[in-house]
Amino acid sequence: MNAELFDDYLRYLADRRLERIGIEKQYNTNNRFLWMSETIDLAKEKNLFETRVKEYQSAGSLEW
């Protein structure tokens, strides 16, 4: 990971957040860190106390 790749990733995240609130993408960059999306995806955020144990994902089930 270097500064340029990380900058692209931040722009990708910004575009995703803009789309979620109904605003057009600004940067149109691709996600170069698919493994980060596996672990930090916006759609997977849940309240710790409202999920069941079976819903947690183990590191062994991630696709690298």
C-alpha atoms as a PDB file:
ATOM      1  CA  MET A   1       0.000   0.000   0.000  1.00  0.00           C
ATOM      2  CA  ASN A   2       1.391   3.388  -0.914  1.00  0.00           C
ATOM      3  CA  ALA A   3       0.050   6.933  -0.752  1.00  0.00           C
ATOM      4  CA  GLU A   4      -1.329   6.910  -4.310  1.00  0.00           C
ATOM      5  CA  LEU A   5      -3.228   3.646  -3.840  1.00  0.00           C
ATOM      6  CA  PHE A   6      -4.579   4.780  -0.491  1.00  0.00           C
ATOM      7  CA  ASP A   7      -5.709   8.071  -2.026  1.00  0.00           C
ATOM      8  CA  ASP A   8      -7.619   6.119  -4.692  1.00  0.00           C
ATOM      9  CA  TYR A   9      -9.222   3.991  -1.984  1.00  0.00           C
ATOM     10  CA  LEU A  10     -10.366   7.059  -0.051  1.00  0.00           C
ATOM     11  CA  ARG A  11     -11.866   8.516  -3.219  1.00  0.00           C
ATOM     12  CA  TYR A  12     -13.658   5.213  -3.830  1.00  0.00           C
ATOM     13  CA  LEU A  13     -15.092   5.347  -0.302  1.00  0.00           C
ATOM     14  CA  ALA A  14     -16.179   8.950  -0.802  1.00  0.00           C
ATOM     15  CA  ASP A  15     -18.026   7.960  -3.989  1.00  0.00           C
ATOM     16  CA  ARG A  16     -19.804   5.127  -2.163  1.00  0.00           C
ATOM     17  CA  ARG A  17     -20.917   7.432   0.618  1.00  0.00           C
ATOM     18  CA  LEU A  18     -22.105  10.064  -1.845  1.00  0.00           C
ATOM     19  CA  GLU A  19     -24.177   7.449  -3.674  1.00  0.00           C
ATOM     20  CA  ARG A  20     -25.730   6.269  -0.409  1.00  0.00           C
ATOM     21  CA  ILE A  21     -27.066   9.771   0.277  1.00  0.00           C
ATOM     22  CA  GLY A  22     -28.288  10.248  -3.293  1.00  0.00           C
ATOM     23  CA  ILE A  23     -25.476  12.376  -4.727  1.00  0.00           C
ATOM     24  CA  GLU A  24     -23.524  11.601  -7.909  1.00  0.00           C
ATOM     25  CA  LYS A  25     -20.055  10.110  -7.729  1.00  0.00           C
ATOM     26  CA  GLN A  26     -17.280  12.689  -7.867  1.00  0.00           C
ATOM     27  CA  TYR A  27     -14.123  10.626  -8.476  1.00  0.00           C
ATOM     28  CA  ASN A  28     -15.166   7.453 -10.343  1.00  0.00           C
ATOM     29  CA  THR A  29     -12.271   5.422  -8.965  1.00  0.00           C
ATOM     30  CA  ASN A  30     -12.166   1.654  -8.587  1.00  0.00           C
ATOM     31  CA  ASN A  31     -11.609  -0.227  -5.372  1.00  0.00           C
ATOM     32  CA  ARG A  32      -8.019  -1.464  -5.479  1.00  0.00           C
ATOM     33  CA  PHE A  33      -8.277  -3.037  -2.036  1.00  0.00           C
ATOM     34  CA  LEU A  34     -10.994  -5.652  -2.326  1.00  0.00           C
ATOM     35  CA  TRP A  35      -9.771  -7.306   0.875  1.00  0.00           C
ATOM     36  CA  MET A  36     -10.541  -4.103   2.789  1.00  0.00           C
ATOM     37  CA  SER A  37     -14.112  -4.144   1.550  1.00  0.00           C
ATOM     38  CA  GLU A  38     -14.473  -7.701   2.805  1.00  0.00           C
ATOM     39  CA  THR A  39     -13.691  -6.560   6.335  1.00  0.00           C
ATOM     40  CA  ILE A  40     -14.933  -2.950   6.429  1.00  0.00           C
ATOM     41  CA  ASP A  41     -17.880  -2.946   4.050  1.00  0.00           C
ATOM     42  CA  LEU A  42     -20.558  -0.346   4.734  1.00  0.00           C
ATOM     43  CA  ALA A  43     -23.391  -2.835   4.324  1.00  0.00           C
ATOM     44  CA  LYS A  44     -21.972  -5.075   7.055  1.00  0.00           C
ATOM     45  CA  GLU A  45     -22.066  -2.536   9.855  1.00  0.00           C
ATOM     46  CA  LYS A  46     -24.273  -3.736  12.704  1.00  0.00           C
ATOM     47  CA  ASN A  47     -24.838  -2.958  16.309  1.00  0.00           C
ATOM     48  CA  LEU A  48     -22.773  -5.393  18.372  1.00  0.00           C
ATOM     49  CA  PHE A  49     -25.639  -6.001  20.792  1.00  0.00           C
ATOM     50  CA  GLU A  50     -28.276  -6.585  18.097  1.00  0.00           C
ATOM     51  CA  THR A  51     -26.539  -9.364  16.157  1.00  0.00           C
ATOM     52  CA  ARG A  52     -26.434 -13.066  16.803  1.00  0.00           C
ATOM     53  CA  VAL A  53     -23.226 -14.996  17.230  1.00  0.00           C
ATOM     54  CA  LYS A  54     -23.791 -16.908  13.969  1.00  0.00           C
ATOM     55  CA  GLU A  55     -23.779 -13.602  12.026  1.00  0.00           C
ATOM     56  CA  TYR A  56     -20.164 -12.826  12.853  1.00  0.00           C
ATOM     57  CA  GLN A  57     -17.704 -13.604  10.104  1.00  0.00           C
ATOM     58  CA  SER A  58     -14.478 -15.363  10.928  1.00  0.00           C
ATOM     59  CA  ALA A  59     -11.187 -14.541   9.232  1.00  0.00           C
ATOM     60  CA  GLY A  60     -11.155 -18.025   7.751  1.00  0.00           C
ATOM     61  CA  SER A  61     -14.232 -17.315   5.653  1.00  0.00           C
ATOM     62  CA  LEU A  62     -12.878 -14.169   3.971  1.00  0.00           C
ATOM     63  CA  GLU A  63     -11.992 -14.380   0.282  1.00  0.00           C
ATOM     64  CA  TRP A  64      -8.475 -13.127  -0.304  1.00  0.00           C
END
